[in-house]
Amino acid sequence: MFRWAIILAVIALIAALLGFGGVAGLSADLAKIFLIIAAVILVVGFLFGRGAKVP
């Protein structure tokens, strides 16, 4: 997920530099959504992941 967020952010930056405002805005919005989803999955994984089994 983080990879997709970074890719979309780079696409948004390049599109903004070239003057494609619609593509840049859409890519930036999707990058934000993917980043939020990835952060939520990361936090849930840390909270409810497998813990070390204590004998």
N, C-alpha and C. Protein backbone atom coordinates (compact mmCIF):
# COMPACT_ATOMS: atom_id res chain seq x y z
N MET A 1 0.82 -1.20 0.00
CA MET A 1 0.00 0.00 0.00
C MET A 1 0.86 1.26 0.00
N PHE A 2 1.92 1.20 0.82
CA PHE A 2 2.79 2.37 0.85
C PHE A 2 3.43 2.61 -0.51
N ARG A 3 3.75 1.51 -1.21
CA ARG A 3 4.35 1.65 -2.53
C ARG A 3 3.40 2.36 -3.48
N TRP A 4 2.12 1.97 -3.46
CA TRP A 4 1.13 2.61 -4.34
C TRP A 4 0.94 4.08 -3.98
N ALA A 5 0.96 4.39 -2.69
CA ALA A 5 0.82 5.78 -2.28
C ALA A 5 1.98 6.63 -2.79
N ILE A 6 3.18 6.09 -2.71
CA ILE A 6 4.36 6.82 -3.19
C ILE A 6 4.30 6.99 -4.71
N ILE A 7 3.93 5.92 -5.42
CA ILE A 7 3.84 6.00 -6.88
C ILE A 7 2.81 7.05 -7.30
N LEU A 8 1.66 7.04 -6.66
CA LEU A 8 0.62 8.02 -7.02
C LEU A 8 1.04 9.44 -6.65
N ALA A 9 1.77 9.60 -5.56
CA ALA A 9 2.26 10.94 -5.21
C ALA A 9 3.25 11.45 -6.25
N VAL A 10 4.11 10.59 -6.73
CA VAL A 10 5.07 10.99 -7.77
C VAL A 10 4.33 11.33 -9.06
N ILE A 11 3.33 10.53 -9.41
CA ILE A 11 2.53 10.83 -10.61
C ILE A 11 1.84 12.18 -10.46
N ALA A 12 1.33 12.46 -9.25
CA ALA A 12 0.66 13.74 -9.01
C ALA A 12 1.64 14.91 -9.17
N LEU A 13 2.84 14.74 -8.64
CA LEU A 13 3.84 15.81 -8.77
C LEU A 13 4.22 16.06 -10.23
N ILE A 14 4.44 14.99 -10.97
CA ILE A 14 4.82 15.14 -12.38
C ILE A 14 3.67 15.75 -13.18
N ALA A 15 2.45 15.28 -12.92
CA ALA A 15 1.30 15.83 -13.64
C ALA A 15 1.10 17.30 -13.31
N ALA A 16 1.32 17.68 -12.06
CA ALA A 16 1.18 19.09 -11.67
C ALA A 16 2.24 19.96 -12.37
N LEU A 17 3.45 19.43 -12.46
CA LEU A 17 4.51 20.19 -13.13
C LEU A 17 4.22 20.37 -14.62
N LEU A 18 3.56 19.37 -15.22
CA LEU A 18 3.25 19.45 -16.64
C LEU A 18 1.94 20.17 -16.93
N GLY A 19 1.20 20.53 -15.87
CA GLY A 19 0.00 21.32 -16.06
C GLY A 19 -1.29 20.52 -16.15
N PHE A 20 -1.25 19.27 -15.83
CA PHE A 20 -2.45 18.45 -15.86
C PHE A 20 -3.08 18.45 -14.48
N GLY A 21 -3.90 19.45 -14.22
CA GLY A 21 -4.46 19.64 -12.89
C GLY A 21 -5.43 18.56 -12.47
N GLY A 22 -6.24 18.08 -13.39
CA GLY A 22 -7.21 17.04 -13.04
C GLY A 22 -6.54 15.74 -12.65
N VAL A 23 -5.56 15.34 -13.45
CA VAL A 23 -4.83 14.10 -13.16
C VAL A 23 -4.05 14.24 -11.86
N ALA A 24 -3.46 15.41 -11.66
CA ALA A 24 -2.68 15.64 -10.45
C ALA A 24 -3.57 15.59 -9.21
N GLY A 25 -4.73 16.19 -9.29
CA GLY A 25 -5.64 16.19 -8.14
C GLY A 25 -6.15 14.79 -7.82
N LEU A 26 -6.53 14.06 -8.87
CA LEU A 26 -7.02 12.69 -8.67
C LEU A 26 -5.93 11.80 -8.09
N SER A 27 -4.73 11.91 -8.63
CA SER A 27 -3.62 11.09 -8.14
C SER A 27 -3.28 11.44 -6.70
N ALA A 28 -3.32 12.71 -6.37
CA ALA A 28 -3.02 13.13 -4.99
C ALA A 28 -4.09 12.62 -4.03
N ASP A 29 -5.35 12.67 -4.44
CA ASP A 29 -6.42 12.15 -3.58
C ASP A 29 -6.29 10.65 -3.37
N LEU A 30 -5.99 9.93 -4.44
CA LEU A 30 -5.82 8.48 -4.30
C LEU A 30 -4.60 8.15 -3.44
N ALA A 31 -3.53 8.93 -3.57
CA ALA A 31 -2.35 8.70 -2.75
C ALA A 31 -2.69 8.90 -1.27
N LYS A 32 -3.48 9.92 -0.95
CA LYS A 32 -3.89 10.15 0.44
C LYS A 32 -4.71 8.98 0.97
N ILE A 33 -5.64 8.51 0.15
CA ILE A 33 -6.50 7.39 0.56
C ILE A 33 -5.66 6.14 0.82
N PHE A 34 -4.75 5.83 -0.11
CA PHE A 34 -3.91 4.65 0.08
C PHE A 34 -3.00 4.79 1.29
N LEU A 35 -2.51 5.99 1.54
CA LEU A 35 -1.65 6.21 2.70
C LEU A 35 -2.43 6.01 4.00
N ILE A 36 -3.65 6.50 4.06
CA ILE A 36 -4.47 6.33 5.27
C ILE A 36 -4.80 4.86 5.48
N ILE A 37 -5.18 4.16 4.41
CA ILE A 37 -5.49 2.74 4.54
C ILE A 37 -4.26 1.95 4.99
N ALA A 38 -3.11 2.24 4.42
CA ALA A 38 -1.89 1.54 4.80
C ALA A 38 -1.53 1.82 6.26
N ALA A 39 -1.72 3.05 6.71
CA ALA A 39 -1.41 3.38 8.10
C ALA A 39 -2.35 2.65 9.06
N VAL A 40 -3.63 2.56 8.69
CA VAL A 40 -4.59 1.85 9.54
C VAL A 40 -4.24 0.36 9.60
N ILE A 41 -3.91 -0.24 8.46
CA ILE A 41 -3.52 -1.65 8.45
C ILE A 41 -2.26 -1.87 9.27
N LEU A 42 -1.32 -0.96 9.20
CA LEU A 42 -0.08 -1.07 9.98
C LEU A 42 -0.36 -1.02 11.47
N VAL A 43 -1.20 -0.09 11.90
CA VAL A 43 -1.53 0.03 13.33
C VAL A 43 -2.29 -1.20 13.82
N VAL A 44 -3.25 -1.67 13.03
CA VAL A 44 -4.00 -2.86 13.41
C VAL A 44 -3.07 -4.08 13.48
N GLY A 45 -2.14 -4.15 12.56
CA GLY A 45 -1.18 -5.24 12.58
C GLY A 45 -0.30 -5.21 13.82
N PHE A 46 0.10 -4.03 14.25
CA PHE A 46 0.90 -3.92 15.48
C PHE A 46 0.08 -4.26 16.70
N LEU A 47 -1.17 -3.85 16.74
CA LEU A 47 -1.99 -4.07 17.91
C LEU A 47 -2.45 -5.52 18.04
N PHE A 48 -2.87 -6.12 16.94
CA PHE A 48 -3.46 -7.44 16.99
C PHE A 48 -2.60 -8.51 16.32
N GLY A 49 -1.36 -8.19 16.03
CA GLY A 49 -0.48 -9.16 15.39
C GLY A 49 -0.10 -10.28 16.35
N ARG A 50 0.61 -11.22 15.82
CA ARG A 50 1.05 -12.33 16.66
C ARG A 50 2.11 -11.84 17.64
N GLY A 51 1.87 -12.11 18.87
CA GLY A 51 2.83 -11.76 19.90
C GLY A 51 3.80 -12.90 20.14
N ALA A 52 4.84 -12.62 20.85
CA ALA A 52 5.78 -13.67 21.20
C ALA A 52 5.14 -14.60 22.24
N LYS A 53 5.23 -15.88 21.98
CA LYS A 53 4.65 -16.85 22.89
C LYS A 53 5.62 -17.07 24.05
N VAL A 54 5.13 -16.81 25.23
CA VAL A 54 5.96 -16.96 26.42
C VAL A 54 5.71 -18.35 26.98
N PRO A 55 6.76 -19.16 27.15
CA PRO A 55 6.55 -20.52 27.66
C PRO A 55 6.19 -20.55 29.14
